[in-house]
Structures are given as structure tokens and as C-alpha cells.
Amino acid sequence: MGGAMASAYASKHPDKVMGLILLGAYVYGDYPPERALTIYGTFNTSVAEKIDYTENIVIIEGGNHAQFGNYGRQKGDPDATISSTEQQNVAVAAIKEFLSKPVE
């Protein structure tokens, strides 16, 4: 729930947070989605169900929650159909693109 906690903090302290990068997480609270990047895998359905915005979303085909880190399989997390390296490479490319955009 780290992404949700970071998002909740950011929504309460917008003067201290310029943007969010959420891996396998979603914007929670009143933080503007246009200032956040949401990346999740197609096997991370609990995230997909919570997203009610369309800005800055990257969905990694075949990815799951656990492969954003190196902490092993998570309870209820289906097996990914891509490697963790491939998933992380897609995420890094999306993060680089997001960070290269000017802050509005």
C-alpha cells in the first residue's frame, strides 16, 4: 500500500510534491492524476479496478505486481507472462518519458 500512502500524502501536501510515480498502485485521494504516472501490469487487476482517471497510465501486457520489485511473489498475484527484467525495462522507459515532460 506504499503507493496509496504516498498518494494520500501528496494530496494533503501538494506544495511539497511535484509529482508521483506509482508502480502497481493508483492515485488515492485528491491528487491530480495529470501530475502522476500510473504503471501496472495486466495481471495486477486490483489496481485496474481502482483507477477512475485516464491520464498518464501505462499498462504492461503480461506484467504483475511482484515484478516491479525483487521481493518474490505476492499473495493473490498471478504469474506474469513476461520476465521481471522486461517488465522493469518497460517501467523505466515510461518513467524516463514522464520525467522528461515539463512540469505544468
C-alpha atoms as a PDB file:
ATOM      1  CA  MET A   1       0.000   0.000   0.000  1.00  0.00           C
ATOM      2  CA  GLY A   2       3.014   2.305  -0.361  1.00  0.00           C
ATOM      3  CA  GLY A   3       1.650   3.939  -3.496  1.00  0.00           C
ATOM      4  CA  ALA A   4      -1.689   4.670  -1.849  1.00  0.00           C
ATOM      5  CA  MET A   5       0.073   6.133   1.184  1.00  0.00           C
ATOM      6  CA  ALA A   6       2.333   8.306  -0.987  1.00  0.00           C
ATOM      7  CA  SER A   7      -0.675   9.458  -2.981  1.00  0.00           C
ATOM      8  CA  ALA A   8      -2.665  10.279   0.155  1.00  0.00           C
ATOM      9  CA  TYR A   9       0.286  12.287   1.498  1.00  0.00           C
ATOM     10  CA  ALA A  10       0.693  14.114  -1.824  1.00  0.00           C
ATOM     11  CA  SER A  11      -2.995  15.041  -1.919  1.00  0.00           C
ATOM     12  CA  LYS A  12      -2.719  16.583   1.557  1.00  0.00           C
ATOM     13  CA  HIS A  13       0.606  18.339   0.823  1.00  0.00           C
ATOM     14  CA  PRO A  14       0.505  19.463  -2.834  1.00  0.00           C
ATOM     15  CA  ASP A  15       3.022  22.211  -2.073  1.00  0.00           C
ATOM     16  CA  LYS A  16       5.627  19.568  -1.157  1.00  0.00           C
ATOM     17  CA  VAL A  17       5.088  17.069  -4.002  1.00  0.00           C
ATOM     18  CA  MET A  18       5.665  17.933  -7.673  1.00  0.00           C
ATOM     19  CA  GLY A  19       4.538  14.569  -8.992  1.00  0.00           C
ATOM     20  CA  LEU A  20       4.022  10.891  -8.286  1.00  0.00           C
ATOM     21  CA  ILE A  21       5.295   7.725  -9.925  1.00  0.00           C
ATOM     22  CA  LEU A  22       3.121   4.782  -8.945  1.00  0.00           C
ATOM     23  CA  LEU A  23       4.211   1.225  -9.728  1.00  0.00           C
ATOM     24  CA  GLY A  24       1.420  -1.266  -9.254  1.00  0.00           C
ATOM     25  CA  ALA A  25      -0.536   1.420  -7.427  1.00  0.00           C
ATOM     26  CA  TYR A  26      -3.092   4.126  -8.194  1.00  0.00           C
ATOM     27  CA  VAL A  27      -3.848   7.731  -7.318  1.00  0.00           C
ATOM     28  CA  TYR A  28      -5.627   7.771  -3.981  1.00  0.00           C
ATOM     29  CA  GLY A  29      -7.149  10.947  -2.625  1.00  0.00           C
ATOM     30  CA  ASP A  30      -7.446  14.269  -4.404  1.00  0.00           C
ATOM     31  CA  TYR A  31      -4.019  14.348  -6.045  1.00  0.00           C
ATOM     32  CA  PRO A  32      -4.319  15.473  -9.687  1.00  0.00           C
ATOM     33  CA  PRO A  33      -3.848  12.440 -11.958  1.00  0.00           C
ATOM     34  CA  GLU A  34      -2.168  14.594 -14.603  1.00  0.00           C
ATOM     35  CA  ARG A  35       0.742  15.031 -12.163  1.00  0.00           C
ATOM     36  CA  ALA A  36       1.049  11.283 -11.599  1.00  0.00           C
ATOM     37  CA  LEU A  37       2.321   8.359 -13.655  1.00  0.00           C
ATOM     38  CA  THR A  38       0.480   5.104 -13.007  1.00  0.00           C
ATOM     39  CA  ILE A  39       2.148   1.918 -14.228  1.00  0.00           C
ATOM     40  CA  TYR A  40       0.660  -1.520 -13.671  1.00  0.00           C
ATOM     41  CA  GLY A  41       0.588  -4.946 -15.262  1.00  0.00           C
ATOM     42  CA  THR A  42      -2.391  -6.655 -16.833  1.00  0.00           C
ATOM     43  CA  PHE A  43      -2.209  -9.258 -14.054  1.00  0.00           C
ATOM     44  CA  ASN A  44      -2.450  -6.541 -11.391  1.00  0.00           C
ATOM     45  CA  THR A  45      -6.248  -6.390 -11.548  1.00  0.00           C
ATOM     46  CA  SER A  46      -6.712  -4.916  -8.082  1.00  0.00           C
ATOM     47  CA  VAL A  47      -5.113  -1.709  -9.385  1.00  0.00           C
ATOM     48  CA  ALA A  48      -7.110  -1.612 -12.619  1.00  0.00           C
ATOM     49  CA  GLU A  49     -10.360  -1.806 -10.649  1.00  0.00           C
ATOM     50  CA  LYS A  50      -9.470   1.334  -8.638  1.00  0.00           C
ATOM     51  CA  ILE A  51      -8.478   3.642 -11.495  1.00  0.00           C
ATOM     52  CA  ASP A  52     -11.100   6.207 -12.440  1.00  0.00           C
ATOM     53  CA  TYR A  53      -8.832   8.506 -14.473  1.00  0.00           C
ATOM     54  CA  THR A  54      -7.201   8.289 -17.900  1.00  0.00           C
ATOM     55  CA  GLU A  55      -4.102  10.497 -17.681  1.00  0.00           C
ATOM     56  CA  ASN A  56      -0.561   9.070 -17.685  1.00  0.00           C
ATOM     57  CA  ILE A  57      -1.386   5.381 -17.440  1.00  0.00           C
ATOM     58  CA  VAL A  58       0.943   2.667 -18.730  1.00  0.00           C
ATOM     59  CA  ILE A  59      -0.358  -0.893 -18.725  1.00  0.00           C
ATOM     60  CA  ILE A  60       2.295  -3.563 -19.133  1.00  0.00           C
ATOM     61  CA  GLU A  61       0.918  -6.559 -21.002  1.00  0.00           C
ATOM     62  CA  GLY A  62       1.723  -9.751 -19.095  1.00  0.00           C
ATOM     63  CA  GLY A  63       3.080  -7.936 -16.036  1.00  0.00           C
ATOM     64  CA  ASN A  64       2.076  -8.494 -12.425  1.00  0.00           C
ATOM     65  CA  HIS A  65       2.539  -6.654  -9.137  1.00  0.00           C
ATOM     66  CA  ALA A  66       5.543  -8.506  -7.728  1.00  0.00           C
ATOM     67  CA  GLN A  67       7.804  -7.915 -10.718  1.00  0.00           C
ATOM     68  CA  PHE A  68       8.030  -4.176 -10.035  1.00  0.00           C
ATOM     69  CA  GLY A  69      10.357  -5.155  -7.191  1.00  0.00           C
ATOM     70  CA  ASN A  70      12.519  -8.111  -6.272  1.00  0.00           C
ATOM     71  CA  TYR A  71      10.642  -9.383  -3.248  1.00  0.00           C
ATOM     72  CA  GLY A  72       9.057 -12.521  -4.687  1.00  0.00           C
ATOM     73  CA  ARG A  73       5.529 -13.494  -5.480  1.00  0.00           C
ATOM     74  CA  GLN A  74       2.723 -11.708  -3.661  1.00  0.00           C
ATOM     75  CA  LYS A  75      -0.352 -13.446  -2.305  1.00  0.00           C
ATOM     76  CA  GLY A  76      -3.046 -13.473  -4.974  1.00  0.00           C
ATOM     77  CA  ASP A  77      -0.650 -12.259  -7.665  1.00  0.00           C
ATOM     78  CA  PRO A  78      -0.925 -14.376 -10.828  1.00  0.00           C
ATOM     79  CA  ASP A  79       2.245 -15.473 -12.578  1.00  0.00           C
ATOM     80  CA  ALA A  80       3.460 -12.933 -15.115  1.00  0.00           C
ATOM     81  CA  THR A  81       3.875 -13.948 -18.740  1.00  0.00           C
ATOM     82  CA  ILE A  82       6.884 -11.663 -19.245  1.00  0.00           C
ATOM     83  CA  SER A  83      10.175 -11.595 -17.363  1.00  0.00           C
ATOM     84  CA  SER A  84      10.766  -9.226 -14.467  1.00  0.00           C
ATOM     85  CA  THR A  85      13.585  -7.625 -16.487  1.00  0.00           C
ATOM     86  CA  GLU A  86      11.238  -6.936 -19.392  1.00  0.00           C
ATOM     87  CA  GLN A  87       8.574  -5.504 -17.076  1.00  0.00           C
ATOM     88  CA  GLN A  88      11.074  -3.311 -15.281  1.00  0.00           C
ATOM     89  CA  ASN A  89      12.567  -2.098 -18.584  1.00  0.00           C
ATOM     90  CA  VAL A  90       9.115  -1.006 -19.802  1.00  0.00           C
ATOM     91  CA  ALA A  91       8.520   0.754 -16.477  1.00  0.00           C
ATOM     92  CA  VAL A  92      11.884   2.551 -16.606  1.00  0.00           C
ATOM     93  CA  ALA A  93      11.226   3.762 -20.166  1.00  0.00           C
ATOM     94  CA  ALA A  94       7.812   5.112 -19.110  1.00  0.00           C
ATOM     95  CA  ILE A  95       9.327   6.835 -16.069  1.00  0.00           C
ATOM     96  CA  LYS A  96      12.052   8.463 -18.178  1.00  0.00           C
ATOM     97  CA  GLU A  97       9.432   9.783 -20.602  1.00  0.00           C
ATOM     98  CA  PHE A  98       7.249  11.097 -17.758  1.00  0.00           C
ATOM     99  CA  LEU A  99      10.198  12.843 -16.097  1.00  0.00           C
ATOM    100  CA  SER A 100      11.243  14.474 -19.371  1.00  0.00           C
ATOM    101  CA  LYS A 101       7.930  16.363 -19.622  1.00  0.00           C
ATOM    102  CA  PRO A 102       7.863  19.922 -18.302  1.00  0.00           C
ATOM    103  CA  VAL A 103       6.038  20.478 -15.011  1.00  0.00           C
ATOM    104  CA  GLU A 104       2.829  22.437 -15.517  1.00  0.00           C
END
